[in-house]
Amino acid sequence: MLFKYVKMMLAAMAVISFMVDHAAFAQSWPAWRGAECDGHVRDFTVPEVWPDSLQKIWRVEVGAGLSSPVLQGDRLYVLTRDGDNEVVSAYSTQDGRRIWQQSYAASFVPNPQAIVPRFFPVSSGKGPFATPLLAGDKLYTLGVDRMLSCFEAESGKVLWQQHLLKQQLPDKLVYECAPCGCREDGKEFDQPGACSACGMTLGPKGIETTATQGRGNYYGAAASPIADGQSGFVNIGNPAGSDVLAFDLATGAEKWRWRGPAPSSSSPVIAELHGVRQLVVLTRTNLVGLALDDGRELWHFDISSNAQIVTPIVFESTILFSAYRSPTTSVKISKTPNGWSAVQAWSTNDVTLYTSTPVLISDHVFGLSYANRGQLFAMDARTGEQLWAGSGRFAQGAAILSSGNVLLALTNEAKLVVFARDTDRYRQLAQYTVAEQPTWAHPILWDNNIVVKDEATLTLWRLE
């Protein structure tokens, strides 16, 4: 009888434990732009009336970098930099206490154009940039020099690491003026500095951060990893080409690799088009669909631009994308017995995207256009018609999220702006200052909490 009672108690405890674990892991932001990589927040309590201010619960120093945090249960995970090391850490959502931390050597010579003190005063162009990925009980990170790592999320134990396309540095760095047609072209210097002819920053010669290979400047790995089933996917590359890699989540072993023409900083997405699940990737010179199982190219659409950062947006059978100083374009993907095709559906210069990925809500797109030095906009996803545009000089960049009937934009100048999901006008509901340093990372929202990562600190704010 006692044995039967003990068994019943153990069973009940198991059920309770499962319920507790399930409740703890209900709050989850496991990847770039959330669980579906779409910028939609599903467990945040939108107030009927937004307060005049937010309550700061805690703030902790976590290290430099532009990588966004991820969340699972009561833990936040961040990828940062400390000198020549990259650092992976877990923090408690309750009090900001650090639970575990790992680091590894990750020296990197950045493109001189990335060293913009006003935008990146702490990281100075050395990253890291890519958002970590939580899949099951493991955490995956991609460093600026393409160090792909897997950690046990609970303990921080390093399970495996793969250094992909490591930056090759000469024994001695020599500096030159970036190819700009000035009289200093071809001259070499022992120290970094500014070109006396054009004022441009001198760049290291003979490594991937220069334009000498005809591929344009490159800033290191910035695209965030994603997962599907037992596979992970990363968009990496160097000036010699753009590699999209599928790897085994358990071991890190390569499953397939697709070599494209040139790299980009755009994170790939998974889409089902005409019944076929595929990886949609924006490279420097094309938009491409790759079969998830073997990486074979299904279709591609050629583009002409020099900086691709935003994540492609999948709308029905079309893909929306944009690039630096380029129109926003919609590409229609078709499949016939003769194969796949990708043709332009529409293109507009009214909206151009640079660093900020917009959010798709039904058949409308909301985001930050690069036009007029940054302005919020709403657009018809079917036609490309701009429905409204906010005032100019809003921000250089902004992380856009959707929750309930509102949208939130965290600008690079640490302003959190809340605005309505209206399609006929811009209507601001609230604005808060949430950091003292630039904020390029995406915030995380759940319940009445807002986590903000600036260049060096992590802060938990609360709606009261």
Protein backbone atom coordinates (compact mmCIF):
# COMPACT_ATOMS: atom_id res chain seq x y z
CA MET A 1 0.00 0.00 0.00
CA LEU A 2 2.83 2.34 0.91
CA PHE A 3 4.57 1.52 -2.38
CA LYS A 4 1.40 2.34 -4.31
CA TYR A 5 1.05 5.63 -2.44
CA VAL A 6 4.67 6.55 -3.18
CA LYS A 7 4.14 5.80 -6.87
CA MET A 8 1.07 8.03 -6.89
CA MET A 9 2.99 10.83 -5.20
CA LEU A 10 5.87 10.54 -7.63
CA ALA A 11 3.47 10.62 -10.56
CA ALA A 12 1.76 13.70 -9.16
CA MET A 13 5.13 15.38 -8.60
CA ALA A 14 6.11 14.59 -12.18
CA VAL A 15 2.92 16.21 -13.45
CA ILE A 16 3.53 19.28 -11.28
CA SER A 17 7.15 19.42 -12.42
CA PHE A 18 6.05 19.28 -16.06
CA MET A 19 3.50 22.03 -15.45
CA VAL A 20 6.14 24.21 -13.77
CA ASP A 21 8.65 23.58 -16.55
CA HIS A 22 6.02 24.23 -19.20
CA ALA A 23 5.00 27.47 -17.50
CA ALA A 24 8.62 28.54 -17.17
CA PHE A 25 9.36 27.91 -20.81
CA ALA A 26 6.12 29.48 -22.02
CA GLN A 27 7.96 32.81 -22.16
CA SER A 28 10.35 32.28 -25.01
CA TRP A 29 12.19 34.43 -27.54
CA PRO A 30 14.61 31.82 -28.89
CA ALA A 31 15.97 33.40 -32.07
CA TRP A 32 16.41 36.47 -34.25
CA ARG A 33 13.03 38.28 -34.32
CA GLY A 34 11.37 35.62 -32.14
CA ALA A 35 10.11 32.05 -32.37
CA GLU A 36 8.93 32.44 -35.97
CA CYS A 37 11.63 34.99 -36.91
CA ASP A 38 8.83 37.40 -37.87
CA GLY A 39 8.97 40.14 -35.19
CA HIS A 40 5.60 39.18 -33.67
CA VAL A 41 5.40 39.19 -29.85
CA ARG A 42 2.74 36.80 -28.61
CA ASP A 43 2.98 36.87 -24.81
CA PHE A 44 3.27 40.57 -23.98
CA THR A 45 0.48 42.35 -22.12
CA VAL A 46 -0.34 45.50 -24.05
CA PRO A 47 -1.72 48.11 -21.61
CA GLU A 48 -4.93 49.95 -22.38
CA VAL A 49 -3.17 53.17 -21.44
CA TRP A 50 0.61 53.41 -21.72
CA PRO A 51 2.29 54.82 -18.58
CA ASP A 52 4.25 58.05 -18.55
CA SER A 53 7.44 56.17 -17.66
CA LEU A 54 8.86 52.67 -17.28
CA GLN A 55 10.19 51.22 -14.05
CA LYS A 56 13.81 50.09 -14.17
CA ILE A 57 14.09 46.74 -12.37
CA TRP A 58 17.80 46.03 -12.93
CA ARG A 59 20.71 46.85 -15.22
CA VAL A 60 23.94 44.85 -15.63
CA GLU A 61 27.13 45.25 -17.64
CA VAL A 62 27.36 42.35 -20.11
CA GLY A 63 30.00 43.37 -22.67
CA ALA A 64 30.20 45.02 -26.06
CA GLY A 65 28.36 44.08 -29.24
CA LEU A 66 25.24 44.47 -31.34
CA SER A 67 23.96 40.90 -31.00
CA SER A 68 20.39 40.68 -29.68
CA PRO A 69 19.56 38.68 -26.52
CA VAL A 70 17.37 35.57 -26.49
CA LEU A 71 15.09 34.27 -23.75
CA GLN A 72 13.93 30.93 -22.44
CA GLY A 73 12.09 30.56 -19.16
CA ASP A 74 13.77 32.71 -16.53
CA ARG A 75 17.06 33.09 -18.39
CA LEU A 76 18.41 35.60 -20.85
CA TYR A 77 21.35 34.68 -23.08
CA VAL A 78 23.73 37.15 -24.73
CA LEU A 79 26.74 37.04 -27.04
CA THR A 80 29.20 39.90 -26.43
CA ARG A 81 32.85 40.92 -26.73
CA ASP A 82 35.54 41.54 -24.12
CA GLY A 83 38.78 42.67 -25.76
CA ASP A 84 39.91 39.91 -28.13
CA ASN A 85 37.47 37.38 -26.68
CA GLU A 86 33.82 36.69 -27.46
CA VAL A 87 31.74 35.95 -24.38
CA VAL A 88 28.55 33.90 -24.04
CA SER A 89 26.54 34.43 -20.85
CA ALA A 90 23.28 33.50 -19.17
CA TYR A 91 21.50 35.93 -16.82
CA SER A 92 18.51 35.61 -14.51
CA THR A 93 15.43 37.56 -15.52
CA GLN A 94 14.60 38.01 -11.83
CA ASP A 95 17.55 40.12 -10.74
CA GLY A 96 20.09 40.23 -13.57
CA ARG A 97 22.38 37.81 -11.76
CA ARG A 98 24.86 36.08 -14.03
CA ILE A 99 24.29 32.31 -13.98
CA TRP A 100 27.16 31.15 -16.20
CA GLN A 101 29.67 32.52 -18.65
CA GLN A 102 32.01 31.10 -21.31
CA SER A 103 34.56 32.84 -23.52
CA TYR A 104 36.87 32.00 -26.39
CA ALA A 105 39.53 33.83 -28.40
CA ALA A 106 37.99 35.86 -31.25
CA SER A 107 40.34 38.54 -32.52
CA PHE A 108 39.00 40.37 -35.56
CA VAL A 109 40.15 43.30 -37.71
CA PRO A 110 37.02 45.26 -38.68
CA ASN A 111 36.36 47.20 -41.82
CA PRO A 112 37.43 50.78 -41.00
CA GLN A 113 34.06 52.04 -42.21
CA ALA A 114 32.49 50.04 -39.36
CA ILE A 115 34.39 52.00 -36.73
CA VAL A 116 31.87 54.80 -36.22
CA PRO A 117 32.23 56.05 -32.62
CA ARG A 118 28.82 57.73 -32.65
CA PHE A 119 27.08 54.48 -33.60
CA PHE A 120 29.39 51.88 -32.04
CA PRO A 121 31.33 53.57 -29.21
CA VAL A 122 32.09 50.31 -27.37
CA SER A 123 32.22 47.51 -29.94
CA SER A 124 34.07 49.64 -32.55
CA GLY A 125 32.98 47.47 -35.45
CA LYS A 126 34.30 44.23 -33.92
CA GLY A 127 30.84 42.81 -33.22
CA PRO A 128 29.52 40.36 -32.44
CA PHE A 129 26.39 40.91 -34.53
CA ALA A 130 24.49 37.63 -34.97
CA THR A 131 21.70 36.77 -32.52
CA PRO A 132 22.12 33.45 -30.66
CA LEU A 133 19.74 30.55 -31.27
CA LEU A 134 18.00 28.41 -28.63
CA ALA A 135 16.94 24.99 -29.91
CA GLY A 136 15.82 22.40 -27.39
CA ASP A 137 18.21 22.46 -24.45
CA LYS A 138 21.10 23.93 -26.42
CA LEU A 139 22.33 27.43 -27.26
CA TYR A 140 24.07 28.19 -30.57
CA THR A 141 26.12 31.29 -31.34
CA LEU A 142 27.86 32.64 -34.46
CA GLY A 143 30.73 35.02 -33.78
CA VAL A 144 31.92 37.88 -35.99
CA ASP A 145 34.79 35.72 -37.36
CA ARG A 146 32.36 32.83 -37.97
CA MET A 147 33.07 30.76 -34.87
CA LEU A 148 29.98 28.55 -34.63
CA SER A 149 29.50 27.23 -31.09
CA CYS A 150 27.08 24.99 -29.22
CA PHE A 151 26.52 25.26 -25.46
CA GLU A 152 24.42 23.36 -22.98
CA ALA A 153 21.83 26.02 -22.12
CA GLU A 154 21.46 24.90 -18.51
CA SER A 155 25.13 24.80 -17.51
CA GLY A 156 27.01 26.66 -20.25
CA LYS A 157 29.14 23.61 -21.02
CA VAL A 158 30.77 23.86 -24.46
CA LEU A 159 29.51 20.91 -26.52
CA TRP A 160 31.26 21.68 -29.82
CA GLN A 161 32.77 24.51 -31.88
CA GLN A 162 33.46 24.94 -35.60
CA HIS A 163 35.56 27.83 -36.94
CA LEU A 164 34.20 28.51 -40.42
CA LEU A 165 36.04 30.66 -42.99
CA LYS A 166 38.41 32.12 -40.40
CA GLN A 167 39.77 35.58 -41.22
CA GLN A 168 43.27 35.28 -42.65
CA LEU A 169 45.61 38.02 -41.42
CA PRO A 170 49.09 38.84 -42.76
CA ASP A 171 52.08 38.88 -40.41
CA LYS A 172 52.08 42.68 -40.53
CA LEU A 173 49.12 44.91 -41.29
CA VAL A 174 49.65 47.46 -44.05
CA TYR A 175 47.08 50.22 -44.60
CA GLU A 176 45.83 51.81 -47.80
CA CYS A 177 43.12 54.19 -48.95
CA ALA A 178 39.91 52.47 -49.94
CA PRO A 179 39.51 52.52 -53.75
CA CYS A 180 37.96 55.93 -54.24
CA GLY A 181 39.88 57.41 -57.18
CA CYS A 182 41.93 59.80 -55.06
CA ARG A 183 45.65 60.45 -55.49
CA GLU A 184 46.53 58.27 -52.49
CA ASP A 185 45.34 55.10 -54.24
CA GLY A 186 48.13 52.56 -54.39
CA LYS A 187 50.08 54.09 -51.48
CA GLU A 188 50.72 52.02 -48.38
CA PHE A 189 51.00 53.16 -44.76
CA ASP A 190 52.28 51.56 -41.57
CA GLN A 191 49.58 53.03 -39.36
CA PRO A 192 45.81 53.48 -39.67
CA GLY A 193 44.44 56.96 -40.11
CA ALA A 194 42.68 59.20 -42.58
CA CYS A 195 43.56 59.65 -46.24
CA SER A 196 45.09 63.10 -46.75
CA ALA A 197 43.42 63.40 -50.16
CA CYS A 198 39.81 62.35 -49.54
CA GLY A 199 39.52 62.00 -45.77
CA MET A 200 38.37 58.37 -45.93
CA THR A 201 39.66 56.00 -43.27
CA LEU A 202 42.63 53.91 -44.31
CA GLY A 203 41.89 50.21 -44.35
CA PRO A 204 44.02 47.08 -43.83
CA LYS A 205 45.44 45.80 -47.11
CA GLY A 206 45.17 42.26 -48.38
CA ILE A 207 42.48 40.97 -46.03
CA GLU A 208 38.76 40.62 -46.43
CA THR A 209 37.97 44.01 -44.94
CA THR A 210 39.19 45.78 -48.08
CA ALA A 211 37.65 45.99 -51.53
CA THR A 212 40.69 44.60 -53.32
CA GLN A 213 38.95 41.37 -54.28
CA GLY A 214 36.20 43.15 -56.15
CA ARG A 215 33.48 42.07 -53.76
CA GLY A 216 33.03 45.26 -51.81
CA ASN A 217 33.77 45.82 -48.14
CA TYR A 218 32.90 43.07 -45.69
CA TYR A 219 32.16 43.43 -41.99
CA GLY A 220 32.27 39.89 -40.63
CA ALA A 221 29.44 37.46 -39.92
CA ALA A 222 26.20 39.20 -38.97
CA ALA A 223 23.43 36.85 -40.16
CA SER A 224 21.76 34.95 -37.32
CA PRO A 225 21.50 31.15 -37.30
CA ILE A 226 18.11 29.43 -37.51
CA ALA A 227 16.95 25.83 -37.00
CA ASP A 228 14.52 23.37 -38.52
CA GLY A 229 14.14 19.87 -37.12
CA GLN A 230 17.60 18.46 -36.43
CA SER A 231 19.40 20.96 -38.68
CA GLY A 232 20.76 24.45 -38.20
CA PHE A 233 21.45 26.94 -40.99
CA VAL A 234 23.90 29.87 -41.20
CA ASN A 235 24.60 32.46 -43.88
CA ILE A 236 28.32 33.16 -43.76
CA GLY A 237 30.96 34.18 -46.24
CA ASN A 238 34.01 36.24 -47.11
CA PRO A 239 34.84 38.32 -50.20
CA ALA A 240 35.57 35.11 -52.12
CA GLY A 241 31.95 34.00 -51.86
CA SER A 242 28.83 33.54 -49.79
CA ASP A 243 28.46 30.19 -48.06
CA VAL A 244 25.12 28.97 -46.74
CA LEU A 245 25.75 26.05 -44.45
CA ALA A 246 23.46 23.37 -43.03
CA PHE A 247 24.82 21.63 -39.93
CA ASP A 248 23.75 18.93 -37.52
CA LEU A 249 22.49 20.55 -34.33
CA ALA A 250 23.79 17.71 -32.16
CA THR A 251 27.34 17.46 -33.51
CA GLY A 252 28.03 20.52 -35.68
CA ALA A 253 28.83 18.25 -38.62
CA GLU A 254 28.24 19.85 -42.01
CA LYS A 255 25.23 18.48 -43.89
CA TRP A 256 25.49 20.58 -47.03
CA ARG A 257 27.00 23.82 -48.26
CA TRP A 258 25.82 26.17 -51.00
CA ARG A 259 28.33 28.60 -52.47
CA GLY A 260 26.90 31.91 -53.68
CA PRO A 261 28.51 34.82 -55.47
CA ALA A 262 29.16 37.20 -52.57
CA PRO A 263 28.29 37.54 -48.87
CA SER A 264 25.66 39.62 -47.13
CA SER A 265 24.61 40.38 -43.57
CA SER A 266 21.00 39.27 -44.13
CA SER A 267 19.62 36.48 -41.93
CA PRO A 268 17.89 33.66 -43.84
CA VAL A 269 14.31 32.57 -43.23
CA ILE A 270 12.44 29.30 -43.72
CA ALA A 271 9.38 29.40 -45.96
CA GLU A 272 6.95 26.96 -47.51
CA LEU A 273 6.35 27.95 -51.12
CA HIS A 274 4.08 25.84 -53.30
CA GLY A 275 4.24 23.03 -50.79
CA VAL A 276 8.05 22.96 -50.63
CA ARG A 277 9.87 24.01 -47.46
CA GLN A 278 12.99 25.96 -48.31
CA LEU A 279 15.59 28.39 -47.07
CA VAL A 280 15.25 31.92 -48.46
CA VAL A 281 18.58 33.78 -48.50
CA LEU A 282 19.47 37.30 -49.58
CA THR A 283 23.11 37.45 -50.77
CA ARG A 284 25.06 40.41 -52.12
CA THR A 285 23.93 39.77 -55.70
CA ASN A 286 20.77 37.68 -55.58
CA LEU A 287 17.76 36.39 -53.68
CA VAL A 288 17.73 32.59 -53.66
CA GLY A 289 15.62 29.64 -52.51
CA LEU A 290 17.47 26.50 -51.33
CA ALA A 291 16.01 23.07 -50.62
CA LEU A 292 16.24 22.35 -46.89
CA ASP A 293 17.30 18.73 -47.28
CA ASP A 294 20.27 19.06 -49.63
CA GLY A 295 20.84 22.77 -50.36
CA ARG A 296 20.09 22.53 -54.08
CA GLU A 297 19.15 25.85 -55.63
CA LEU A 298 15.45 25.95 -56.53
CA TRP A 299 15.27 29.50 -57.90
CA HIS A 300 17.09 32.82 -57.79
CA PHE A 301 16.44 36.47 -58.58
CA ASP A 302 19.40 38.68 -59.52
CA ILE A 303 19.82 42.02 -57.78
CA SER A 304 22.27 44.92 -57.89
CA SER A 305 23.28 46.54 -54.63
CA ASN A 306 26.21 46.77 -52.25
CA ALA A 307 24.73 46.12 -48.80
CA GLN A 308 22.05 43.60 -47.84
CA ILE A 309 21.16 43.53 -44.15
CA VAL A 310 17.39 43.18 -43.76
CA THR A 311 15.74 39.76 -43.47
CA PRO A 312 13.49 38.81 -46.42
CA ILE A 313 9.75 38.95 -45.73
CA VAL A 314 7.62 36.07 -47.01
CA PHE A 315 4.08 37.05 -48.05
CA GLU A 316 2.00 34.31 -49.62
CA SER A 317 4.00 33.30 -52.73
CA THR A 318 6.09 36.49 -52.83
CA ILE A 319 9.31 37.59 -51.14
CA LEU A 320 9.82 41.23 -50.12
CA PHE A 321 13.34 42.57 -49.74
CA SER A 322 15.41 45.73 -49.99
CA ALA A 323 18.99 46.92 -49.64
CA TYR A 324 21.02 50.06 -49.07
CA ARG A 325 19.86 52.88 -51.37
CA SER A 326 17.76 50.38 -53.33
CA PRO A 327 14.00 50.13 -53.89
CA THR A 328 11.87 47.73 -51.90
CA THR A 329 11.00 44.90 -54.25
CA SER A 330 8.51 42.04 -54.28
CA VAL A 331 9.45 38.85 -56.13
CA LYS A 332 6.79 36.33 -57.10
CA ILE A 333 7.88 32.70 -56.82
CA SER A 334 6.17 30.20 -59.14
CA LYS A 335 6.49 26.44 -59.62
CA THR A 336 5.46 24.53 -62.73
CA PRO A 337 6.23 21.01 -64.02
CA ASN A 338 9.14 22.63 -65.87
CA GLY A 339 10.70 24.07 -62.73
CA TRP A 340 10.76 27.19 -60.58
CA SER A 341 10.75 30.85 -61.55
CA ALA A 342 11.23 34.16 -59.73
CA VAL A 343 9.99 37.38 -61.34
CA GLN A 344 9.45 40.89 -60.06
CA ALA A 345 5.91 41.57 -58.86
CA TRP A 346 6.46 45.24 -57.98
CA SER A 347 9.18 47.65 -56.93
CA THR A 348 9.00 51.05 -55.23
CA ASN A 349 11.47 53.81 -54.44
CA ASP A 350 9.04 55.35 -51.95
CA VAL A 351 10.33 52.91 -49.34
CA THR A 352 13.93 51.71 -49.07
CA LEU A 353 15.28 49.58 -46.25
CA TYR A 354 18.81 49.48 -44.90
CA THR A 355 19.37 48.05 -41.41
CA SER A 356 15.78 47.61 -40.19
CA THR A 357 13.66 44.59 -41.04
CA PRO A 358 9.94 45.47 -41.20
CA VAL A 359 7.02 43.48 -39.79
CA LEU A 360 4.28 41.90 -41.90
CA ILE A 361 0.76 42.09 -40.43
CA SER A 362 -1.90 40.47 -42.62
CA ASP A 363 -1.26 42.13 -46.00
CA HIS A 364 0.44 45.25 -44.63
CA VAL A 365 4.09 45.99 -43.91
CA PHE A 366 5.23 48.35 -41.13
CA GLY A 367 8.81 49.44 -40.69
CA LEU A 368 11.52 52.09 -40.87
CA SER A 369 12.43 53.42 -44.30
CA TYR A 370 15.91 54.75 -44.95
CA ALA A 371 14.35 57.61 -46.92
CA ASN A 372 14.54 61.12 -45.46
CA ARG A 373 17.15 59.93 -42.97
CA GLY A 374 14.76 57.45 -41.44
CA GLN A 375 10.97 57.53 -41.31
CA LEU A 376 8.38 55.02 -40.16
CA PHE A 377 5.98 53.77 -42.83
CA ALA A 378 3.05 51.51 -43.64
CA MET A 379 2.86 49.78 -47.01
CA ASP A 380 0.50 47.50 -48.92
CA ALA A 381 2.27 44.15 -49.32
CA ARG A 382 0.30 43.28 -52.46
CA THR A 383 0.99 46.43 -54.44
CA GLY A 384 3.91 48.23 -52.78
CA GLU A 385 1.79 51.34 -52.26
CA GLN A 386 2.99 53.46 -49.37
CA LEU A 387 -0.01 54.07 -47.12
CA TRP A 388 1.61 56.60 -44.80
CA ALA A 389 5.03 57.89 -43.82
CA GLY A 390 6.09 59.48 -40.56
CA SER A 391 8.36 62.48 -40.23
CA GLY A 392 11.96 62.27 -41.42
CA ARG A 393 15.12 62.07 -39.29
CA PHE A 394 13.37 59.57 -37.01
CA ALA A 395 16.38 57.23 -36.66
CA GLN A 396 19.28 55.64 -38.53
CA GLY A 397 18.00 52.23 -37.50
CA ALA A 398 15.18 50.69 -35.49
CA ALA A 399 14.12 47.25 -34.30
CA ILE A 400 10.43 46.84 -35.21
CA LEU A 401 8.13 44.53 -33.24
CA SER A 402 4.38 43.89 -33.31
CA SER A 403 2.25 43.01 -30.29
CA GLY A 404 -1.53 43.05 -30.16
CA ASN A 405 -2.83 46.24 -31.72
CA VAL A 406 0.43 48.19 -31.45
CA LEU A 407 3.92 48.29 -32.93
CA LEU A 408 7.12 49.17 -31.11
CA ALA A 409 10.26 50.69 -32.59
CA LEU A 410 13.49 50.70 -30.60
CA THR A 411 15.71 53.23 -32.34
CA ASN A 412 19.50 53.17 -32.40
CA GLU A 413 19.37 56.26 -30.17
CA ALA A 414 17.67 54.30 -27.35
CA LYS A 415 14.16 55.64 -27.91
CA LEU A 416 11.36 53.08 -27.53
CA VAL A 417 8.43 54.38 -29.56
CA VAL A 418 4.98 52.81 -29.43
CA PHE A 419 2.59 53.49 -32.31
CA ALA A 420 -0.78 52.24 -33.49
CA ARG A 421 -1.32 49.60 -36.17
CA ASP A 422 -3.27 52.10 -38.27
CA THR A 423 -3.01 51.85 -42.03
CA ASP A 424 -4.22 55.38 -42.80
CA ARG A 425 -1.93 57.50 -40.58
CA TYR A 426 0.97 57.46 -38.13
CA ARG A 427 -0.27 57.70 -34.53
CA GLN A 428 2.26 57.66 -31.70
CA LEU A 429 1.04 56.29 -28.35
CA ALA A 430 4.13 56.54 -26.14
CA GLN A 431 7.87 57.16 -26.13
CA TYR A 432 10.54 56.22 -23.58
CA THR A 433 14.30 56.54 -23.24
CA VAL A 434 15.58 53.08 -22.31
CA ALA A 435 19.40 53.28 -22.44
CA GLU A 436 22.37 55.63 -22.31
CA GLN A 437 24.26 54.03 -25.21
CA PRO A 438 23.22 53.16 -28.79
CA THR A 439 20.69 50.33 -29.09
CA TRP A 440 21.02 48.29 -32.28
CA ALA A 441 19.84 45.00 -30.77
CA HIS A 442 16.22 43.85 -30.71
CA PRO A 443 14.38 44.14 -27.37
CA ILE A 444 12.49 41.24 -25.77
CA LEU A 445 8.94 41.66 -24.45
CA TRP A 446 6.86 39.31 -22.27
CA ASP A 447 4.10 39.82 -19.71
CA ASN A 448 4.75 43.44 -18.65
CA ASN A 449 8.53 43.25 -19.07
CA ILE A 450 10.83 44.83 -21.67
CA VAL A 451 14.49 43.82 -21.91
CA VAL A 452 16.82 46.18 -23.75
CA LYS A 453 20.41 45.44 -24.79
CA ASP A 454 22.48 48.50 -25.59
CA GLU A 455 26.13 48.38 -26.65
CA ALA A 456 27.35 47.17 -23.28
CA THR A 457 24.49 46.69 -20.80
CA LEU A 458 21.32 44.66 -20.38
CA THR A 459 18.33 46.33 -18.70
CA LEU A 460 14.95 45.01 -17.55
CA TRP A 461 12.16 47.58 -17.65
CA ARG A 462 8.62 46.97 -16.41
CA LEU A 463 5.26 48.51 -17.19
CA GLU A 464 3.58 49.53 -13.93
